[in-house]
Structure formats: structure tokens, C-alpha cells
Amino acid sequence: MKYKDYYQILGVPRGATEDEIKKAYRRLAHKYHPDVSKEKNAEARFKEIGEAYEVLKDKEKRAAYDRLGEHRPGEEFRPPPEWAEQFARGFGRGGFGAGGFSSGGFTEEVDLSDLFGDLFSGGQGRRGRSGGFAMPGQDFEAVVQLPLEDAARGTEVSLDLNMPQYDAEGMPRRTPKTVKVRIPKGVTDGQKLRVPGKGGPGSNGGPPGALYLDIKLRPHPLFQPSAHDLYLEVPVTPTEAALGTTIEVPTLEGRVRLKIPPGARSGQKLRLAGKGLPKPDGGHGDLYAVVQVVTPDTLTAKERELYEQLGRASSFNPRAHFDRS
């Protein structure tokens, strides 16, 4: 039979961990999936990758494969004399007949993938009706844009996706599908949610893939989110900033009263505890009111007179530090 280097196919070293093998498979399966890949040999590579993963993800199959030794890819080889008897006996089979595997050895017609399918699955392999390996469905990714209010209270969204469906021959075909998913309250901008079982269907009896949702919060006219905290610019007049006052400010749950301390300055943050976005494990983030001292664009004659009087009476010099430098 011809040797296939399953480690080389997945691009991992022979000592790779189970997690490294799984990550390599997922990356390559996504890259060469016939339904999305533009590579000319995508379908053949996809099947080859699946075959390698089927062997290397299973401890017993991997151990049996490693006992075959290392050879050049495509090189004709025969397993060690004791290999067939050892593994056939270990899995309750005294030998294999017309498929090419018997106590006398292997014929040239035996394919390495067929051998491992027969050896570890009672002659039936892990193949489906179409003769291919059971493969998990493709993972899908979708961007979900939400108003800040929906992120705060949770919502349900409908997504129109083009899912691959597999025909009787195991070939994927694009099929439109509407998927409804529930968005939990308190999601944040940039968060990624995994919805198991909502991805593409598996082939040959494989499980469906997952749907990954990239959460994007739409710009809000008032609030700027940062994780579970919210920031709100609060304009105040020079008089309010100098003397202090109490004003009403909006939150996602309605208006609340906010005390502006005397001598407030632009950029100063005033914390309203628990008035931000809800957190998944309970509680809320905070709302930070950012003070912005705003002067009027135009002045009446009376206002100008009063400002001039204040300027003459005031000893405050905001540039005094210039003289000390």
C-alpha cells in the first residue's frame, strides 16, 4: 500500500498534542471546505484532511498508525509482520478477508484509510452512506449589529445565512436558511458569542457546526460604551461649574439626579454606580458623567456686561503656572 503522512497533511509534528491536532484540523478544514474555498484542489484536500484527522484524533488509531513507521509520502510499504496480528487481535478480529487484509499480509489494493476504518470499526469503518468520513459541519460567522438598548435588555435576532446542504453523494450545495438566535442581555461591543448546533450541517452523519456571532453596538446619540461601563458627556455652564449645582441626566433606565460639585472642570468624571450595562454574572457596570464646561455662542448686552464685571472682580488666573515655568 502507499504511505500517507497524516502528520504532514495536517502540518503538525509527530509529537503534536490532541489540542494541536484539533486546531490544525479546524483551520485547514475551514480553508479547504469545498463550499467556501477557492483553491482548485479544495475538495480533494478537504477529504485528505478529514482522513488524517479521523486517524490522529483517536488514541488507538494514532498508536497503530505510529507503529507503521515513517516513510516518504506515496511510498509503497508493508506493515511490520506482527502489526496486523497485534491490532486485529486487540480489537476482537482474527483477520480480514476480501478487502485485502488477511493473515498473509496486505495486497496492493488496500488503501490506508480503508484499513483504519475496517480495523477499528468492525469492517464498517466510520464512513457514511456516501463512503466519506463523518465530518462535522462548517462553523459560520455572522456580524450582529445591535442598538445599545437591545444589548442592555437582550433580544432575539433573525439571520439570513447561506448554509451548505449535502446531497446523496456528499457534495455541498448552498441553501438559504433563516436562523433565530437569542442574544443575552449585557453583551458588549466586540464580544463573540458561540451558538452550538446552528452552523452548517455535518456530512455522513457528522454533527452540525457552530455559529459565531460578532457583536457590534451601533453608535448611540448619548452614550459611549466601554465594556459594561457607559460614558455620557454632560454640558454645564461656567456658572454651574463654578458654584456647583444638581441637574438631571439620562440613563438607559430613565433620568436620575446628578450633583455637580463646586469648581467642576471639563473632563472631570462623575461616577453613577450601577447605571451601566448589565453583566452576565449579575450586577451592572457604571455610568460616568464627563463634565464639559460650555460657554454661550452669543451674548446679550446684559450678559456681556455681567461677564465684564466678573472679569474685573475676579482674581482667578488659570495661566498662573506659566509664570512659574
C-alpha atoms as a PDB file:
ATOM      1  CA  MET A   1       0.000   0.000   0.000  1.00  0.00           C
ATOM      2  CA  LYS A   2       1.049   3.620  -0.408  1.00  0.00           C
ATOM      3  CA  TYR A   3       2.088   5.566   2.657  1.00  0.00           C
ATOM      4  CA  LYS A   4       0.225   8.727   3.661  1.00  0.00           C
ATOM      5  CA  ASP A   5       1.895  11.089   6.096  1.00  0.00           C
ATOM      6  CA  TYR A   6      -1.070  12.215   8.162  1.00  0.00           C
ATOM      7  CA  TYR A   7       1.085  14.490  10.303  1.00  0.00           C
ATOM      8  CA  GLN A   8       2.381  16.270   7.213  1.00  0.00           C
ATOM      9  CA  ILE A   9      -1.141  16.582   5.820  1.00  0.00           C
ATOM     10  CA  LEU A  10      -2.264  18.429   8.964  1.00  0.00           C
ATOM     11  CA  GLY A  11       1.001  20.345   9.227  1.00  0.00           C
ATOM     12  CA  VAL A  12       1.817  19.200  12.778  1.00  0.00           C
ATOM     13  CA  PRO A  13       4.861  17.395  14.245  1.00  0.00           C
ATOM     14  CA  ARG A  14       4.620  13.721  15.146  1.00  0.00           C
ATOM     15  CA  GLY A  15       4.633  14.646  18.824  1.00  0.00           C
ATOM     16  CA  ALA A  16       1.715  17.076  18.487  1.00  0.00           C
ATOM     17  CA  THR A  17      -0.839  17.182  21.288  1.00  0.00           C
ATOM     18  CA  GLU A  18      -4.518  16.380  20.786  1.00  0.00           C
ATOM     19  CA  ASP A  19      -5.325  20.078  21.047  1.00  0.00           C
ATOM     20  CA  GLU A  20      -2.732  20.998  18.411  1.00  0.00           C
ATOM     21  CA  ILE A  21      -4.127  18.347  16.073  1.00  0.00           C
ATOM     22  CA  LYS A  22      -7.675  19.599  16.586  1.00  0.00           C
ATOM     23  CA  LYS A  23      -6.706  23.243  15.976  1.00  0.00           C
ATOM     24  CA  ALA A  24      -4.781  22.322  12.831  1.00  0.00           C
ATOM     25  CA  TYR A  25      -7.739  20.335  11.508  1.00  0.00           C
ATOM     26  CA  ARG A  26     -10.244  23.112  12.143  1.00  0.00           C
ATOM     27  CA  ARG A  27      -8.024  25.688  10.467  1.00  0.00           C
ATOM     28  CA  LEU A  28      -7.416  23.550   7.377  1.00  0.00           C
ATOM     29  CA  ALA A  29     -10.983  22.240   7.134  1.00  0.00           C
ATOM     30  CA  HIS A  30     -12.247  25.821   7.100  1.00  0.00           C
ATOM     31  CA  LYS A  31      -9.645  26.832   4.499  1.00  0.00           C
ATOM     32  CA  TYR A  32     -10.370  23.938   2.115  1.00  0.00           C
ATOM     33  CA  HIS A  33     -14.075  23.413   2.679  1.00  0.00           C
ATOM     34  CA  PRO A  34     -15.423  22.953  -0.875  1.00  0.00           C
ATOM     35  CA  ASP A  35     -18.317  25.263  -0.209  1.00  0.00           C
ATOM     36  CA  VAL A  36     -16.149  28.291   0.576  1.00  0.00           C
ATOM     37  CA  SER A  37     -12.645  27.584  -0.693  1.00  0.00           C
ATOM     38  CA  LYS A  38     -11.370  28.971  -3.996  1.00  0.00           C
ATOM     39  CA  GLU A  39      -8.475  26.501  -4.162  1.00  0.00           C
ATOM     40  CA  LYS A  40      -8.552  24.267  -7.253  1.00  0.00           C
ATOM     41  CA  ASN A  41      -7.948  21.085  -5.231  1.00  0.00           C
ATOM     42  CA  ALA A  42     -10.158  22.088  -2.305  1.00  0.00           C
ATOM     43  CA  GLU A  43     -12.430  19.031  -2.340  1.00  0.00           C
ATOM     44  CA  ALA A  44      -9.563  16.531  -2.524  1.00  0.00           C
ATOM     45  CA  ARG A  45      -7.625  18.357   0.200  1.00  0.00           C
ATOM     46  CA  PHE A  46     -10.734  18.552   2.368  1.00  0.00           C
ATOM     47  CA  LYS A  47     -11.200  14.778   2.196  1.00  0.00           C
ATOM     48  CA  GLU A  48      -7.494  14.184   2.809  1.00  0.00           C
ATOM     49  CA  ILE A  49      -7.534  16.460   5.847  1.00  0.00           C
ATOM     50  CA  GLY A  50     -10.604  14.677   7.213  1.00  0.00           C
ATOM     51  CA  GLU A  51      -8.980  11.286   6.745  1.00  0.00           C
ATOM     52  CA  ALA A  52      -5.833  12.375   8.588  1.00  0.00           C
ATOM     53  CA  TYR A  53      -7.852  13.835  11.433  1.00  0.00           C
ATOM     54  CA  GLU A  54     -10.004  10.700  11.773  1.00  0.00           C
ATOM     55  CA  VAL A  55      -6.851   8.673  12.438  1.00  0.00           C
ATOM     56  CA  LEU A  56      -4.798  11.086  14.545  1.00  0.00           C
ATOM     57  CA  LYS A  57      -7.600  12.264  16.839  1.00  0.00           C
ATOM     58  CA  ASP A  58      -8.191   8.692  18.062  1.00  0.00           C
ATOM     59  CA  LYS A  59      -5.571   7.390  20.532  1.00  0.00           C
ATOM     60  CA  GLU A  60      -5.781   3.762  19.380  1.00  0.00           C
ATOM     61  CA  LYS A  61      -5.750   4.621  15.697  1.00  0.00           C
ATOM     62  CA  ARG A  62      -2.876   7.022  16.185  1.00  0.00           C
ATOM     63  CA  ALA A  63      -0.869   4.425  18.095  1.00  0.00           C
ATOM     64  CA  ALA A  64      -1.480   1.890  15.329  1.00  0.00           C
ATOM     65  CA  TYR A  65      -0.501   4.419  12.682  1.00  0.00           C
ATOM     66  CA  ASP A  66       2.696   5.356  14.511  1.00  0.00           C
ATOM     67  CA  ARG A  67       3.676   1.668  14.667  1.00  0.00           C
ATOM     68  CA  LEU A  68       3.747   1.603  10.880  1.00  0.00           C
ATOM     69  CA  GLY A  69       6.904   3.707  10.995  1.00  0.00           C
ATOM     70  CA  GLU A  70       7.893   6.710   8.910  1.00  0.00           C
ATOM     71  CA  HIS A  71       8.027   6.572   5.115  1.00  0.00           C
ATOM     72  CA  ARG A  72       8.005   9.020   2.255  1.00  0.00           C
ATOM     73  CA  PRO A  73       4.515  10.141   1.209  1.00  0.00           C
ATOM     74  CA  GLY A  74       3.339   7.916  -1.648  1.00  0.00           C
ATOM     75  CA  GLU A  75       5.995   5.285  -0.989  1.00  0.00           C
ATOM     76  CA  GLU A  76       4.883   1.650  -1.299  1.00  0.00           C
ATOM     77  CA  PHE A  77       5.330  -0.160   2.016  1.00  0.00           C
ATOM     78  CA  ARG A  78       4.152  -3.138   4.031  1.00  0.00           C
ATOM     79  CA  PRO A  79       3.415  -3.004   7.763  1.00  0.00           C
ATOM     80  CA  PRO A  80       5.737  -4.884  10.128  1.00  0.00           C
ATOM     81  CA  PRO A  81       4.926  -8.623  10.257  1.00  0.00           C
ATOM     82  CA  GLU A  82       3.471  -8.514  13.758  1.00  0.00           C
ATOM     83  CA  TRP A  83       1.451  -5.327  13.212  1.00  0.00           C
ATOM     84  CA  ALA A  84      -1.649  -6.834  11.593  1.00  0.00           C
ATOM     85  CA  GLU A  85      -1.992  -9.676  14.071  1.00  0.00           C
ATOM     86  CA  GLN A  86      -1.462  -7.431  17.097  1.00  0.00           C
ATOM     87  CA  PHE A  87      -4.059  -4.812  16.241  1.00  0.00           C
ATOM     88  CA  ALA A  88      -6.596  -7.232  14.761  1.00  0.00           C
ATOM     89  CA  ARG A  89      -6.467  -9.352  17.913  1.00  0.00           C
ATOM     90  CA  GLY A  90      -6.635  -6.282  20.135  1.00  0.00           C
ATOM     91  CA  PHE A  91      -9.944  -5.276  18.547  1.00  0.00           C
ATOM     92  CA  GLY A  92     -11.504  -8.713  18.521  1.00  0.00           C
ATOM     93  CA  ARG A  93     -10.917  -9.581  14.879  1.00  0.00           C
ATOM     94  CA  GLY A  94      -8.838 -12.529  13.756  1.00  0.00           C
ATOM     95  CA  GLY A  95      -8.237 -11.131  10.305  1.00  0.00           C
ATOM     96  CA  PHE A  96      -9.845  -9.502   7.309  1.00  0.00           C
ATOM     97  CA  GLY A  97     -10.777 -11.169   4.120  1.00  0.00           C
ATOM     98  CA  ALA A  98     -11.565  -9.984   0.640  1.00  0.00           C
ATOM     99  CA  GLY A  99     -10.800  -6.367   1.482  1.00  0.00           C
ATOM    100  CA  GLY A 100      -7.122  -7.147   1.046  1.00  0.00           C
ATOM    101  CA  PHE A 101      -6.151  -7.707   4.712  1.00  0.00           C
ATOM    102  CA  SER A 102      -5.521 -11.257   5.878  1.00  0.00           C
ATOM    103  CA  SER A 103      -3.081 -13.276   7.941  1.00  0.00           C
ATOM    104  CA  GLY A 104      -0.885 -13.390   4.879  1.00  0.00           C
ATOM    105  CA  GLY A 105      -0.396  -9.639   4.769  1.00  0.00           C
ATOM    106  CA  PHE A 106      -1.709  -6.765   2.668  1.00  0.00           C
ATOM    107  CA  THR A 107      -2.413  -6.585  -1.032  1.00  0.00           C
ATOM    108  CA  GLU A 108      -1.641  -3.512  -3.057  1.00  0.00           C
ATOM    109  CA  GLU A 109      -5.384  -2.703  -3.341  1.00  0.00           C
ATOM    110  CA  VAL A 110      -5.728  -1.784   0.356  1.00  0.00           C
ATOM    111  CA  ASP A 111      -5.980   1.956   0.992  1.00  0.00           C
ATOM    112  CA  LEU A 112      -4.586   3.254   4.267  1.00  0.00           C
ATOM    113  CA  SER A 113      -7.863   4.994   5.164  1.00  0.00           C
ATOM    114  CA  ASP A 114      -9.886   1.848   4.365  1.00  0.00           C
ATOM    115  CA  LEU A 115      -7.524  -0.179   6.515  1.00  0.00           C
ATOM    116  CA  PHE A 116      -8.020   2.003   9.586  1.00  0.00           C
ATOM    117  CA  GLY A 117     -11.763   2.187   9.014  1.00  0.00           C
ATOM    118  CA  ASP A 118     -12.035  -1.617   8.892  1.00  0.00           C
ATOM    119  CA  LEU A 119      -9.571  -2.259  11.667  1.00  0.00           C
ATOM    120  CA  PHE A 120     -11.268  -0.111  14.272  1.00  0.00           C
ATOM    121  CA  SER A 121     -14.922  -0.288  13.269  1.00  0.00           C
ATOM    122  CA  GLY A 122     -15.714  -3.945  12.760  1.00  0.00           C
ATOM    123  CA  GLY A 123     -15.302  -3.775   8.993  1.00  0.00           C
ATOM    124  CA  GLN A 124     -17.733  -0.870   8.537  1.00  0.00           C
ATOM    125  CA  GLY A 125     -15.313   1.991   9.117  1.00  0.00           C
ATOM    126  CA  ARG A 126     -16.510   5.427  10.122  1.00  0.00           C
ATOM    127  CA  ARG A 127     -17.916   6.161   6.724  1.00  0.00           C
ATOM    128  CA  GLY A 128     -21.392   7.231   5.888  1.00  0.00           C
ATOM    129  CA  ARG A 129     -23.713   6.231   3.061  1.00  0.00           C
ATOM    130  CA  SER A 130     -21.675   8.089   0.500  1.00  0.00           C
ATOM    131  CA  GLY A 131     -18.432   6.404   1.537  1.00  0.00           C
ATOM    132  CA  GLY A 132     -16.890   9.531   3.106  1.00  0.00           C
ATOM    133  CA  PHE A 133     -15.808  10.094   6.656  1.00  0.00           C
ATOM    134  CA  ALA A 134     -18.281  11.541   9.124  1.00  0.00           C
ATOM    135  CA  MET A 135     -17.361  15.214   9.139  1.00  0.00           C
ATOM    136  CA  PRO A 136     -18.619  17.958  11.441  1.00  0.00           C
ATOM    137  CA  GLY A 137     -20.472  20.815   9.795  1.00  0.00           C
ATOM    138  CA  GLN A 138     -18.790  24.059   8.921  1.00  0.00           C
ATOM    139  CA  ASP A 139     -18.648  26.807  11.532  1.00  0.00           C
ATOM    140  CA  PHE A 140     -20.211  30.057  10.379  1.00  0.00           C
ATOM    141  CA  GLU A 141     -19.574  33.613  11.484  1.00  0.00           C
ATOM    142  CA  ALA A 142     -22.034  36.485  11.310  1.00  0.00           C
ATOM    143  CA  VAL A 143     -21.915  40.124  12.380  1.00  0.00           C
ATOM    144  CA  VAL A 144     -24.841  41.225  14.540  1.00  0.00           C
ATOM    145  CA  GLN A 145     -25.384  44.976  14.887  1.00  0.00           C
ATOM    146  CA  LEU A 146     -27.447  45.927  17.933  1.00  0.00           C
ATOM    147  CA  PRO A 147     -28.838  49.138  19.367  1.00  0.00           C
ATOM    148  CA  LEU A 148     -27.436  49.806  22.818  1.00  0.00           C
ATOM    149  CA  GLU A 149     -30.882  49.364  24.348  1.00  0.00           C
ATOM    150  CA  ASP A 150     -31.192  45.817  22.920  1.00  0.00           C
ATOM    151  CA  ALA A 151     -27.754  44.945  24.270  1.00  0.00           C
ATOM    152  CA  ALA A 152     -28.897  46.115  27.698  1.00  0.00           C
ATOM    153  CA  ARG A 153     -32.098  44.078  27.856  1.00  0.00           C
ATOM    154  CA  GLY A 154     -31.347  41.166  25.492  1.00  0.00           C
ATOM    155  CA  THR A 155     -33.162  40.392  22.282  1.00  0.00           C
ATOM    156  CA  GLU A 156     -33.810  37.824  19.561  1.00  0.00           C
ATOM    157  CA  VAL A 157     -32.448  38.307  16.057  1.00  0.00           C
ATOM    158  CA  SER A 158     -33.083  36.554  12.755  1.00  0.00           C
ATOM    159  CA  LEU A 159     -30.108  35.952  10.485  1.00  0.00           C
ATOM    160  CA  ASP A 160     -30.274  35.022   6.809  1.00  0.00           C
ATOM    161  CA  LEU A 161     -27.381  32.679   6.062  1.00  0.00           C
ATOM    162  CA  ASN A 162     -26.317  30.602   3.084  1.00  0.00           C
ATOM    163  CA  MET A 163     -25.824  27.143   4.568  1.00  0.00           C
ATOM    164  CA  PRO A 164     -24.294  24.172   2.727  1.00  0.00           C
ATOM    165  CA  GLN A 165     -26.576  21.161   2.369  1.00  0.00           C
ATOM    166  CA  TYR A 166     -25.124  17.820   1.284  1.00  0.00           C
ATOM    167  CA  ASP A 167     -26.687  15.670  -1.403  1.00  0.00           C
ATOM    168  CA  ALA A 168     -26.689  11.875  -1.561  1.00  0.00           C
ATOM    169  CA  GLU A 169     -23.157  11.942  -2.985  1.00  0.00           C
ATOM    170  CA  GLY A 170     -21.873  14.078  -0.121  1.00  0.00           C
ATOM    171  CA  MET A 171     -21.434  17.181  -2.268  1.00  0.00           C
ATOM    172  CA  PRO A 172     -22.210  20.549  -0.639  1.00  0.00           C
ATOM    173  CA  ARG A 173     -24.715  22.969  -2.154  1.00  0.00           C
ATOM    174  CA  ARG A 174     -25.624  26.449  -0.946  1.00  0.00           C
ATOM    175  CA  THR A 175     -29.083  26.760   0.596  1.00  0.00           C
ATOM    176  CA  PRO A 176     -30.550  29.947   2.152  1.00  0.00           C
ATOM    177  CA  LYS A 177     -31.577  29.464   5.754  1.00  0.00           C
ATOM    178  CA  THR A 178     -33.024  31.788   8.388  1.00  0.00           C
ATOM    179  CA  VAL A 179     -31.626  31.236  11.871  1.00  0.00           C
ATOM    180  CA  LYS A 180     -33.145  32.765  15.000  1.00  0.00           C
ATOM    181  CA  VAL A 181     -30.831  33.224  17.962  1.00  0.00           C
ATOM    182  CA  ARG A 182     -31.292  34.738  21.388  1.00  0.00           C
ATOM    183  CA  ILE A 183     -28.835  37.469  22.391  1.00  0.00           C
ATOM    184  CA  PRO A 184     -28.391  37.567  26.178  1.00  0.00           C
ATOM    185  CA  LYS A 185     -28.583  40.884  27.969  1.00  0.00           C
ATOM    186  CA  GLY A 186     -25.352  42.674  28.705  1.00  0.00           C
ATOM    187  CA  VAL A 187     -23.398  41.768  25.563  1.00  0.00           C
ATOM    188  CA  THR A 188     -20.569  44.168  24.817  1.00  0.00           C
ATOM    189  CA  ASP A 189     -19.130  45.679  21.672  1.00  0.00           C
ATOM    190  CA  GLY A 190     -16.673  43.282  20.014  1.00  0.00           C
ATOM    191  CA  GLN A 191     -17.850  40.277  22.008  1.00  0.00           C
ATOM    192  CA  LYS A 192     -18.051  36.944  20.183  1.00  0.00           C
ATOM    193  CA  LEU A 193     -20.842  34.519  21.050  1.00  0.00           C
ATOM    194  CA  ARG A 194     -20.800  30.816  20.160  1.00  0.00           C
ATOM    195  CA  VAL A 195     -24.134  29.202  19.337  1.00  0.00           C
ATOM    196  CA  PRO A 196     -23.607  25.412  19.080  1.00  0.00           C
ATOM    197  CA  GLY A 197     -25.562  23.442  16.503  1.00  0.00           C
ATOM    198  CA  LYS A 198     -26.533  26.488  14.410  1.00  0.00           C
ATOM    199  CA  GLY A 199     -23.738  26.195  11.854  1.00  0.00           C
ATOM    200  CA  GLY A 200     -23.612  24.115   8.695  1.00  0.00           C
ATOM    201  CA  PRO A 201     -24.934  20.543   8.751  1.00  0.00           C
ATOM    202  CA  GLY A 202     -22.450  17.703   9.098  1.00  0.00           C
ATOM    203  CA  SER A 203     -21.810  15.231   6.300  1.00  0.00           C
ATOM    204  CA  ASN A 204     -22.087  11.460   6.558  1.00  0.00           C
ATOM    205  CA  GLY A 205     -23.674  11.650   9.997  1.00  0.00           C
ATOM    206  CA  GLY A 206     -21.296  14.243  11.429  1.00  0.00           C
ATOM    207  CA  PRO A 207     -22.583  16.821  13.954  1.00  0.00           C
ATOM    208  CA  PRO A 208     -23.603  20.328  12.847  1.00  0.00           C
ATOM    209  CA  GLY A 209     -21.125  23.155  13.212  1.00  0.00           C
ATOM    210  CA  ALA A 210     -21.406  26.214  15.410  1.00  0.00           C
ATOM    211  CA  LEU A 211     -22.483  29.760  14.632  1.00  0.00           C
ATOM    212  CA  TYR A 212     -20.200  32.521  15.907  1.00  0.00           C
ATOM    213  CA  LEU A 213     -21.765  35.945  16.378  1.00  0.00           C
ATOM    214  CA  ASP A 214     -19.606  39.087  16.291  1.00  0.00           C
ATOM    215  CA  ILE A 215     -21.458  41.687  18.343  1.00  0.00           C
ATOM    216  CA  LYS A 216     -21.238  45.278  17.103  1.00  0.00           C
ATOM    217  CA  LEU A 217     -23.073  48.019  19.003  1.00  0.00           C
ATOM    218  CA  ARG A 218     -24.487  50.787  16.875  1.00  0.00           C
ATOM    219  CA  PRO A 219     -23.406  54.338  17.763  1.00  0.00           C
ATOM    220  CA  HIS A 220     -25.703  55.931  20.343  1.00  0.00           C
ATOM    221  CA  PRO A 221     -26.520  59.653  20.314  1.00  0.00           C
ATOM    222  CA  LEU A 222     -25.713  59.991  24.038  1.00  0.00           C
ATOM    223  CA  PHE A 223     -23.826  57.035  25.480  1.00  0.00           C
ATOM    224  CA  GLN A 224     -20.374  55.693  24.623  1.00  0.00           C
ATOM    225  CA  PRO A 225     -19.932  52.085  25.846  1.00  0.00           C
ATOM    226  CA  SER A 226     -16.660  50.683  27.165  1.00  0.00           C
ATOM    227  CA  ALA A 227     -17.159  47.017  28.119  1.00  0.00           C
ATOM    228  CA  HIS A 228     -20.035  47.203  30.636  1.00  0.00           C
ATOM    229  CA  ASP A 229     -19.454  50.864  31.559  1.00  0.00           C
ATOM    230  CA  LEU A 230     -21.086  53.803  29.821  1.00  0.00           C
ATOM    231  CA  TYR A 231     -19.785  57.335  29.317  1.00  0.00           C
ATOM    232  CA  LEU A 232     -22.025  60.373  28.944  1.00  0.00           C
ATOM    233  CA  GLU A 233     -20.856  63.901  28.148  1.00  0.00           C
ATOM    234  CA  VAL A 234     -22.659  66.356  30.435  1.00  0.00           C
ATOM    235  CA  PRO A 235     -22.550  70.031  29.357  1.00  0.00           C
ATOM    236  CA  VAL A 236     -22.665  72.596  32.197  1.00  0.00           C
ATOM    237  CA  THR A 237     -22.474  76.374  32.166  1.00  0.00           C
ATOM    238  CA  PRO A 238     -19.484  78.234  33.627  1.00  0.00           C
ATOM    239  CA  THR A 239     -21.724  79.373  36.482  1.00  0.00           C
ATOM    240  CA  GLU A 240     -22.868  75.811  37.246  1.00  0.00           C
ATOM    241  CA  ALA A 241     -19.282  74.582  37.146  1.00  0.00           C
ATOM    242  CA  ALA A 242     -18.016  77.350  39.419  1.00  0.00           C
ATOM    243  CA  LEU A 243     -20.817  77.317  42.001  1.00  0.00           C
ATOM    244  CA  GLY A 244     -21.945  73.688  41.766  1.00  0.00           C
ATOM    245  CA  THR A 245     -25.490  72.517  41.166  1.00  0.00           C
ATOM    246  CA  THR A 246     -27.759  69.493  40.866  1.00  0.00           C
ATOM    247  CA  ILE A 247     -29.038  68.513  37.430  1.00  0.00           C
ATOM    248  CA  GLU A 248     -30.910  65.629  35.788  1.00  0.00           C
ATOM    249  CA  VAL A 249     -29.066  63.329  33.384  1.00  0.00           C
ATOM    250  CA  PRO A 250     -30.387  60.426  31.256  1.00  0.00           C
ATOM    251  CA  THR A 251     -29.549  56.747  31.817  1.00  0.00           C
ATOM    252  CA  LEU A 252     -30.740  53.622  29.996  1.00  0.00           C
ATOM    253  CA  GLU A 253     -33.361  53.228  32.738  1.00  0.00           C
ATOM    254  CA  GLY A 254     -34.585  56.826  32.881  1.00  0.00           C
ATOM    255  CA  ARG A 255     -33.412  60.141  34.303  1.00  0.00           C
ATOM    256  CA  VAL A 256     -31.535  60.482  37.605  1.00  0.00           C
ATOM    257  CA  ARG A 257     -30.241  63.440  39.600  1.00  0.00           C
ATOM    258  CA  LEU A 258     -26.519  64.230  39.483  1.00  0.00           C
ATOM    259  CA  LYS A 259     -24.682  66.609  41.805  1.00  0.00           C
ATOM    260  CA  ILE A 260     -22.105  68.840  40.136  1.00  0.00           C
ATOM    261  CA  PRO A 261     -19.543  69.847  42.773  1.00  0.00           C
ATOM    262  CA  PRO A 262     -18.347  73.474  43.026  1.00  0.00           C
ATOM    263  CA  GLY A 263     -15.256  74.091  40.925  1.00  0.00           C
ATOM    264  CA  ALA A 264     -16.029  71.298  38.447  1.00  0.00           C
ATOM    265  CA  ARG A 265     -13.738  71.274  35.437  1.00  0.00           C
ATOM    266  CA  SER A 266     -14.038  69.995  31.885  1.00  0.00           C
ATOM    267  CA  GLY A 267     -13.116  66.317  31.592  1.00  0.00           C
ATOM    268  CA  GLN A 268     -13.926  65.548  35.213  1.00  0.00           C
ATOM    269  CA  LYS A 269     -15.684  62.163  35.567  1.00  0.00           C
ATOM    270  CA  LEU A 270     -18.561  61.759  37.998  1.00  0.00           C
ATOM    271  CA  ARG A 271     -19.486  58.115  38.687  1.00  0.00           C
ATOM    272  CA  LEU A 272     -23.042  56.848  38.848  1.00  0.00           C
ATOM    273  CA  ALA A 273     -22.637  53.343  40.253  1.00  0.00           C
ATOM    274  CA  GLY A 274     -24.665  50.517  38.679  1.00  0.00           C
ATOM    275  CA  LYS A 275     -26.099  52.630  35.846  1.00  0.00           C
ATOM    276  CA  GLY A 276     -24.138  50.940  33.053  1.00  0.00           C
ATOM    277  CA  LEU A 277     -24.816  47.731  31.105  1.00  0.00           C
ATOM    278  CA  PRO A 278     -25.844  44.554  32.928  1.00  0.00           C
ATOM    279  CA  LYS A 279     -23.171  41.884  33.456  1.00  0.00           C
ATOM    280  CA  PRO A 280     -23.702  38.190  32.630  1.00  0.00           C
ATOM    281  CA  ASP A 281     -22.923  37.102  36.193  1.00  0.00           C
ATOM    282  CA  GLY A 282     -25.152  39.737  37.777  1.00  0.00           C
ATOM    283  CA  GLY A 283     -24.803  43.396  38.641  1.00  0.00           C
ATOM    284  CA  HIS A 284     -24.164  46.294  36.298  1.00  0.00           C
ATOM    285  CA  GLY A 285     -21.342  48.424  35.067  1.00  0.00           C
ATOM    286  CA  ASP A 286     -21.154  52.106  35.944  1.00  0.00           C
ATOM    287  CA  LEU A 287     -22.163  55.288  34.148  1.00  0.00           C
ATOM    288  CA  TYR A 288     -19.522  58.016  34.060  1.00  0.00           C
ATOM    289  CA  ALA A 289     -20.786  61.554  33.544  1.00  0.00           C
ATOM    290  CA  VAL A 290     -17.977  63.519  31.868  1.00  0.00           C
ATOM    291  CA  VAL A 291     -18.280  67.225  32.669  1.00  0.00           C
ATOM    292  CA  GLN A 292     -17.961  69.628  29.742  1.00  0.00           C
ATOM    293  CA  VAL A 293     -17.925  73.336  30.625  1.00  0.00           C
ATOM    294  CA  VAL A 294     -19.666  75.131  27.753  1.00  0.00           C
ATOM    295  CA  THR A 295     -19.747  78.864  27.090  1.00  0.00           C
ATOM    296  CA  PRO A 296     -22.588  80.504  25.159  1.00  0.00           C
ATOM    297  CA  ASP A 297     -22.089  81.126  21.439  1.00  0.00           C
ATOM    298  CA  THR A 298     -23.682  84.593  21.632  1.00  0.00           C
ATOM    299  CA  LEU A 299     -24.244  87.019  24.496  1.00  0.00           C
ATOM    300  CA  THR A 300     -26.952  89.556  25.116  1.00  0.00           C
ATOM    301  CA  ALA A 301     -25.895  93.061  26.072  1.00  0.00           C
ATOM    302  CA  LYS A 302     -26.765  92.367  29.712  1.00  0.00           C
ATOM    303  CA  GLU A 303     -24.833  89.068  29.750  1.00  0.00           C
ATOM    304  CA  ARG A 304     -21.776  90.745  28.261  1.00  0.00           C
ATOM    305  CA  GLU A 305     -21.933  93.487  30.923  1.00  0.00           C
ATOM    306  CA  LEU A 306     -22.118  90.903  33.726  1.00  0.00           C
ATOM    307  CA  TYR A 307     -19.238  88.869  32.287  1.00  0.00           C
ATOM    308  CA  GLU A 308     -17.144  92.043  32.085  1.00  0.00           C
ATOM    309  CA  GLN A 309     -17.956  92.874  35.721  1.00  0.00           C
ATOM    310  CA  LEU A 310     -16.985  89.353  36.759  1.00  0.00           C
ATOM    311  CA  GLY A 311     -13.719  89.607  34.821  1.00  0.00           C
ATOM    312  CA  ARG A 312     -12.788  92.820  36.611  1.00  0.00           C
ATOM    313  CA  ALA A 313     -13.753  91.487  40.033  1.00  0.00           C
ATOM    314  CA  SER A 314     -12.214  88.018  39.762  1.00  0.00           C
ATOM    315  CA  SER A 315      -8.613  87.314  40.829  1.00  0.00           C
ATOM    316  CA  PHE A 316      -8.635  83.813  39.285  1.00  0.00           C
ATOM    317  CA  ASN A 317      -5.752  83.278  36.840  1.00  0.00           C
ATOM    318  CA  PRO A 318      -5.908  79.919  35.026  1.00  0.00           C
ATOM    319  CA  ARG A 319      -2.445  80.596  33.499  1.00  0.00           C
ATOM    320  CA  ALA A 320      -0.567  81.325  36.697  1.00  0.00           C
ATOM    321  CA  HIS A 321       1.595  78.242  36.193  1.00  0.00           C
ATOM    322  CA  PHE A 322       3.078  79.883  33.086  1.00  0.00           C
ATOM    323  CA  ASP A 323       4.900  82.378  35.344  1.00  0.00           C
ATOM    324  CA  ARG A 324       6.435  79.554  37.424  1.00  0.00           C
ATOM    325  CA  SER A 325       7.921  77.711  34.476  1.00  0.00           C
END
